[in-house]
Amino acid sequence: MGGDHHHHEIKVPDYKSYRVEDAPELLKVREKLAARGLSDPWLRNEVWRYDRRLWGTEGQRIMLTFSRGFKYGFAAFVVTILGTKLLGSGSDHHDHGHH
């Protein structure tokens, strides 16, 4: 019993590898702050969130969000339609109001 007692070494990236210049979105924030005479010394800490190698572009993230699960959802849709057609009610007539 017990868990994995082999501690895997975690590699912490060097803080110098994150530059605001590598994140155009944060560069705009820095420029807007500078226009008001302000600066954010912690802005560099957010650069990893905008790393395109890890997360892709904004458009890629949007497409992934809306397309994730699409093939399974479409397959379920087709199975539902086929099941309704094949196993559905024996009559397509609704017999409402016919005298």
N, C-alpha and C. Protein backbone atom coordinates (compact mmCIF):
# COMPACT_ATOMS: atom_id res chain seq x y z
N MET A 1 0.84 -1.18 0.00
CA MET A 1 0.00 0.00 0.00
C MET A 1 0.88 1.24 0.00
N GLY A 2 0.29 2.29 -0.38
CA GLY A 2 1.04 3.52 -0.40
C GLY A 2 1.05 4.12 -1.79
N GLY A 3 1.61 5.24 -1.86
CA GLY A 3 1.62 5.94 -3.14
C GLY A 3 2.98 5.91 -3.79
N ASP A 4 3.14 6.73 -4.73
CA ASP A 4 4.39 6.84 -5.45
C ASP A 4 5.36 7.65 -4.59
N HIS A 5 6.35 6.98 -4.03
CA HIS A 5 7.28 7.65 -3.15
C HIS A 5 8.51 8.16 -3.89
N HIS A 6 8.52 7.97 -5.18
CA HIS A 6 9.63 8.48 -5.97
C HIS A 6 9.30 9.92 -6.34
N HIS A 7 10.03 10.82 -5.76
CA HIS A 7 9.76 12.23 -6.00
C HIS A 7 10.38 12.64 -7.34
N HIS A 8 9.53 13.10 -8.21
CA HIS A 8 9.99 13.54 -9.51
C HIS A 8 10.46 14.98 -9.39
N GLU A 9 11.58 15.24 -9.99
CA GLU A 9 12.13 16.57 -9.90
C GLU A 9 11.30 17.53 -10.75
N ILE A 10 10.90 18.61 -10.14
CA ILE A 10 10.12 19.63 -10.84
C ILE A 10 11.08 20.69 -11.34
N LYS A 11 10.99 20.98 -12.61
CA LYS A 11 11.87 21.99 -13.19
C LYS A 11 11.15 23.33 -13.19
N VAL A 12 11.68 24.25 -12.42
CA VAL A 12 11.12 25.60 -12.35
C VAL A 12 11.87 26.45 -13.38
N PRO A 13 11.15 27.06 -14.31
CA PRO A 13 11.83 27.86 -15.33
C PRO A 13 12.45 29.12 -14.73
N ASP A 14 13.50 29.56 -15.34
CA ASP A 14 14.17 30.77 -14.91
C ASP A 14 13.25 31.97 -15.16
N TYR A 15 13.16 32.85 -14.20
CA TYR A 15 12.26 33.99 -14.34
C TYR A 15 12.65 34.90 -15.50
N LYS A 16 13.91 34.85 -15.89
CA LYS A 16 14.37 35.70 -16.98
C LYS A 16 13.85 35.23 -18.34
N SER A 17 13.33 34.00 -18.39
CA SER A 17 12.82 33.49 -19.66
C SER A 17 11.46 34.09 -20.01
N TYR A 18 10.83 34.74 -19.05
CA TYR A 18 9.53 35.38 -19.30
C TYR A 18 9.73 36.87 -19.49
N ARG A 19 9.38 37.33 -20.68
CA ARG A 19 9.54 38.74 -21.00
C ARG A 19 8.20 39.29 -21.47
N VAL A 20 7.85 40.48 -21.00
CA VAL A 20 6.60 41.12 -21.40
C VAL A 20 6.57 41.34 -22.90
N GLU A 21 7.72 41.54 -23.50
CA GLU A 21 7.80 41.76 -24.95
C GLU A 21 7.31 40.55 -25.74
N ASP A 22 7.30 39.38 -25.13
CA ASP A 22 6.84 38.16 -25.81
C ASP A 22 5.33 38.00 -25.77
N ALA A 23 4.65 38.87 -25.05
CA ALA A 23 3.18 38.79 -24.94
C ALA A 23 2.58 40.12 -25.40
N PRO A 24 2.14 40.20 -26.67
CA PRO A 24 1.62 41.47 -27.19
C PRO A 24 0.47 42.04 -26.35
N GLU A 25 -0.35 41.17 -25.77
CA GLU A 25 -1.47 41.65 -24.96
C GLU A 25 -0.96 42.41 -23.73
N LEU A 26 0.08 41.88 -23.11
CA LEU A 26 0.64 42.53 -21.93
C LEU A 26 1.46 43.75 -22.30
N LEU A 27 2.02 43.74 -23.49
CA LEU A 27 2.75 44.90 -23.97
C LEU A 27 1.80 46.09 -24.09
N LYS A 28 0.58 45.84 -24.57
CA LYS A 28 -0.43 46.90 -24.66
C LYS A 28 -0.79 47.43 -23.28
N VAL A 29 -0.92 46.51 -22.31
CA VAL A 29 -1.23 46.93 -20.94
C VAL A 29 -0.11 47.81 -20.40
N ARG A 30 1.13 47.40 -20.62
CA ARG A 30 2.27 48.19 -20.14
C ARG A 30 2.29 49.57 -20.78
N GLU A 31 1.98 49.64 -22.09
CA GLU A 31 1.96 50.93 -22.79
C GLU A 31 0.85 51.83 -22.26
N LYS A 32 -0.32 51.25 -21.98
CA LYS A 32 -1.43 52.05 -21.44
C LYS A 32 -1.10 52.57 -20.04
N LEU A 33 -0.45 51.73 -19.24
CA LEU A 33 -0.04 52.17 -17.92
C LEU A 33 1.01 53.28 -18.02
N ALA A 34 1.96 53.12 -18.94
CA ALA A 34 3.01 54.11 -19.11
C ALA A 34 2.43 55.45 -19.56
N ALA A 35 1.37 55.42 -20.37
CA ALA A 35 0.73 56.65 -20.83
C ALA A 35 0.15 57.43 -19.65
N ARG A 36 -0.16 56.74 -18.57
CA ARG A 36 -0.70 57.39 -17.37
C ARG A 36 0.38 57.60 -16.31
N GLY A 37 1.61 57.29 -16.68
CA GLY A 37 2.71 57.46 -15.74
C GLY A 37 2.79 56.35 -14.70
N LEU A 38 2.22 55.20 -15.01
CA LEU A 38 2.20 54.08 -14.08
C LEU A 38 3.01 52.92 -14.64
N SER A 39 3.36 52.00 -13.77
CA SER A 39 4.01 50.76 -14.21
C SER A 39 3.58 49.63 -13.29
N ASP A 40 3.67 48.43 -13.78
CA ASP A 40 3.31 47.25 -13.00
C ASP A 40 4.53 46.35 -12.90
N PRO A 41 5.19 46.32 -11.75
CA PRO A 41 6.40 45.50 -11.63
C PRO A 41 6.10 44.00 -11.66
N TRP A 42 4.85 43.61 -11.51
CA TRP A 42 4.48 42.20 -11.48
C TRP A 42 3.93 41.73 -12.82
N LEU A 43 3.92 42.57 -13.81
CA LEU A 43 3.35 42.22 -15.11
C LEU A 43 4.05 41.01 -15.72
N ARG A 44 5.35 40.90 -15.50
CA ARG A 44 6.11 39.78 -16.03
C ARG A 44 5.59 38.44 -15.50
N ASN A 45 5.01 38.44 -14.31
CA ASN A 45 4.51 37.20 -13.72
C ASN A 45 3.30 36.64 -14.48
N GLU A 46 2.70 37.42 -15.34
CA GLU A 46 1.54 36.97 -16.11
C GLU A 46 1.90 36.50 -17.52
N VAL A 47 3.15 36.64 -17.90
CA VAL A 47 3.56 36.30 -19.27
C VAL A 47 3.28 34.84 -19.61
N TRP A 48 3.45 33.94 -18.67
CA TRP A 48 3.25 32.51 -18.95
C TRP A 48 1.83 32.23 -19.42
N ARG A 49 0.87 33.02 -18.99
CA ARG A 49 -0.52 32.81 -19.39
C ARG A 49 -0.74 33.07 -20.88
N TYR A 50 0.15 33.86 -21.47
CA TYR A 50 0.01 34.23 -22.87
C TYR A 50 1.01 33.51 -23.77
N ASP A 51 1.64 32.47 -23.26
CA ASP A 51 2.64 31.71 -24.02
C ASP A 51 1.92 30.90 -25.10
N ARG A 52 2.11 31.28 -26.34
CA ARG A 52 1.43 30.63 -27.47
C ARG A 52 1.89 29.19 -27.67
N ARG A 53 3.10 28.88 -27.22
CA ARG A 53 3.58 27.50 -27.35
C ARG A 53 2.79 26.57 -26.43
N LEU A 54 2.36 27.06 -25.30
CA LEU A 54 1.59 26.24 -24.36
C LEU A 54 0.09 26.27 -24.65
N TRP A 55 -0.43 27.46 -24.91
CA TRP A 55 -1.88 27.63 -24.96
C TRP A 55 -2.42 27.94 -26.35
N GLY A 56 -1.55 28.21 -27.33
CA GLY A 56 -2.02 28.57 -28.66
C GLY A 56 -2.48 30.02 -28.70
N THR A 57 -2.97 30.42 -29.86
CA THR A 57 -3.46 31.79 -30.00
C THR A 57 -4.88 31.87 -29.46
N GLU A 58 -5.39 33.07 -29.36
CA GLU A 58 -6.76 33.26 -28.86
C GLU A 58 -7.76 32.57 -29.79
N GLY A 59 -7.54 32.68 -31.10
CA GLY A 59 -8.42 32.01 -32.06
C GLY A 59 -8.39 30.50 -31.92
N GLN A 60 -7.21 29.95 -31.70
CA GLN A 60 -7.08 28.50 -31.52
C GLN A 60 -7.79 28.05 -30.26
N ARG A 61 -7.69 28.84 -29.20
CA ARG A 61 -8.37 28.48 -27.95
C ARG A 61 -9.89 28.54 -28.11
N ILE A 62 -10.38 29.52 -28.86
CA ILE A 62 -11.83 29.62 -29.10
C ILE A 62 -12.31 28.42 -29.91
N MET A 63 -11.57 28.07 -30.97
CA MET A 63 -11.96 26.92 -31.79
C MET A 63 -11.93 25.63 -30.97
N LEU A 64 -10.94 25.48 -30.13
CA LEU A 64 -10.84 24.29 -29.29
C LEU A 64 -12.03 24.22 -28.33
N THR A 65 -12.40 25.36 -27.77
CA THR A 65 -13.52 25.39 -26.83
C THR A 65 -14.81 24.94 -27.49
N PHE A 66 -15.07 25.44 -28.70
CA PHE A 66 -16.33 25.11 -29.36
C PHE A 66 -16.30 23.79 -30.11
N SER A 67 -15.12 23.29 -30.44
CA SER A 67 -15.06 22.04 -31.20
C SER A 67 -14.80 20.82 -30.31
N ARG A 68 -14.39 21.05 -29.08
CA ARG A 68 -14.12 19.93 -28.17
C ARG A 68 -15.41 19.15 -27.94
N GLY A 69 -15.37 17.87 -28.17
CA GLY A 69 -16.53 17.02 -27.96
C GLY A 69 -17.50 17.01 -29.12
N PHE A 70 -17.19 17.74 -30.19
CA PHE A 70 -18.12 17.83 -31.31
C PHE A 70 -18.35 16.46 -31.95
N LYS A 71 -17.28 15.69 -32.15
CA LYS A 71 -17.46 14.40 -32.84
C LYS A 71 -18.33 13.45 -32.01
N TYR A 72 -18.18 13.48 -30.68
CA TYR A 72 -19.02 12.62 -29.85
C TYR A 72 -20.45 13.13 -29.80
N GLY A 73 -20.61 14.43 -29.77
CA GLY A 73 -21.95 15.01 -29.78
C GLY A 73 -22.66 14.74 -31.08
N PHE A 74 -21.95 14.85 -32.19
CA PHE A 74 -22.55 14.59 -33.50
C PHE A 74 -22.92 13.11 -33.63
N ALA A 75 -22.04 12.24 -33.14
CA ALA A 75 -22.34 10.80 -33.18
C ALA A 75 -23.58 10.49 -32.34
N ALA A 76 -23.71 11.11 -31.18
CA ALA A 76 -24.89 10.90 -30.34
C ALA A 76 -26.15 11.42 -31.04
N PHE A 77 -26.02 12.53 -31.75
CA PHE A 77 -27.13 13.09 -32.51
C PHE A 77 -27.60 12.11 -33.59
N VAL A 78 -26.65 11.57 -34.34
CA VAL A 78 -26.98 10.62 -35.41
C VAL A 78 -27.63 9.37 -34.83
N VAL A 79 -27.08 8.83 -33.75
CA VAL A 79 -27.66 7.64 -33.12
C VAL A 79 -29.07 7.93 -32.63
N THR A 80 -29.29 9.10 -32.08
CA THR A 80 -30.63 9.48 -31.60
C THR A 80 -31.62 9.56 -32.75
N ILE A 81 -31.23 10.20 -33.84
CA ILE A 81 -32.12 10.32 -35.00
C ILE A 81 -32.41 8.94 -35.58
N LEU A 82 -31.37 8.12 -35.77
CA LEU A 82 -31.59 6.77 -36.31
C LEU A 82 -32.45 5.93 -35.38
N GLY A 83 -32.20 6.03 -34.09
CA GLY A 83 -32.99 5.28 -33.13
C GLY A 83 -34.45 5.71 -33.15
N THR A 84 -34.68 6.99 -33.29
CA THR A 84 -36.05 7.49 -33.35
C THR A 84 -36.75 7.00 -34.61
N LYS A 85 -36.04 7.02 -35.72
CA LYS A 85 -36.64 6.58 -36.99
C LYS A 85 -36.87 5.07 -36.99
N LEU A 86 -35.91 4.30 -36.52
CA LEU A 86 -36.02 2.84 -36.57
C LEU A 86 -36.90 2.26 -35.46
N LEU A 87 -36.80 2.81 -34.28
CA LEU A 87 -37.51 2.25 -33.14
C LEU A 87 -38.68 3.12 -32.68
N GLY A 88 -38.93 4.18 -33.42
CA GLY A 88 -39.97 5.13 -33.04
C GLY A 88 -41.35 4.52 -33.08
N SER A 89 -42.33 5.34 -32.89
CA SER A 89 -43.71 4.87 -32.85
C SER A 89 -44.07 4.18 -34.16
N GLY A 90 -44.98 3.21 -34.08
CA GLY A 90 -45.37 2.42 -35.24
C GLY A 90 -46.18 3.21 -36.26
N SER A 91 -46.73 4.32 -35.86
CA SER A 91 -47.55 5.06 -36.80
C SER A 91 -47.08 6.50 -36.86
N ASP A 92 -47.02 7.02 -38.05
CA ASP A 92 -46.67 8.42 -38.22
C ASP A 92 -47.92 9.30 -38.19
N HIS A 93 -49.09 8.68 -38.10
CA HIS A 93 -50.34 9.42 -38.08
C HIS A 93 -50.69 9.74 -36.63
N HIS A 94 -51.09 10.94 -36.42
CA HIS A 94 -51.36 11.36 -35.05
C HIS A 94 -52.84 11.28 -34.69
N ASP A 95 -53.70 10.96 -35.62
CA ASP A 95 -55.12 10.73 -35.37
C ASP A 95 -55.78 11.80 -34.51
N HIS A 96 -55.39 13.01 -34.70
CA HIS A 96 -56.02 14.09 -33.95
C HIS A 96 -57.06 14.77 -34.83
N GLY A 97 -58.29 14.71 -34.41
CA GLY A 97 -59.36 15.43 -35.09
C GLY A 97 -59.85 14.81 -36.37
N HIS A 98 -59.46 13.61 -36.71
CA HIS A 98 -59.95 12.97 -37.93
C HIS A 98 -61.21 12.19 -37.60
N HIS A 99 -62.34 12.51 -38.26
CA HIS A 99 -63.60 11.83 -37.97
C HIS A 99 -64.03 11.02 -39.14
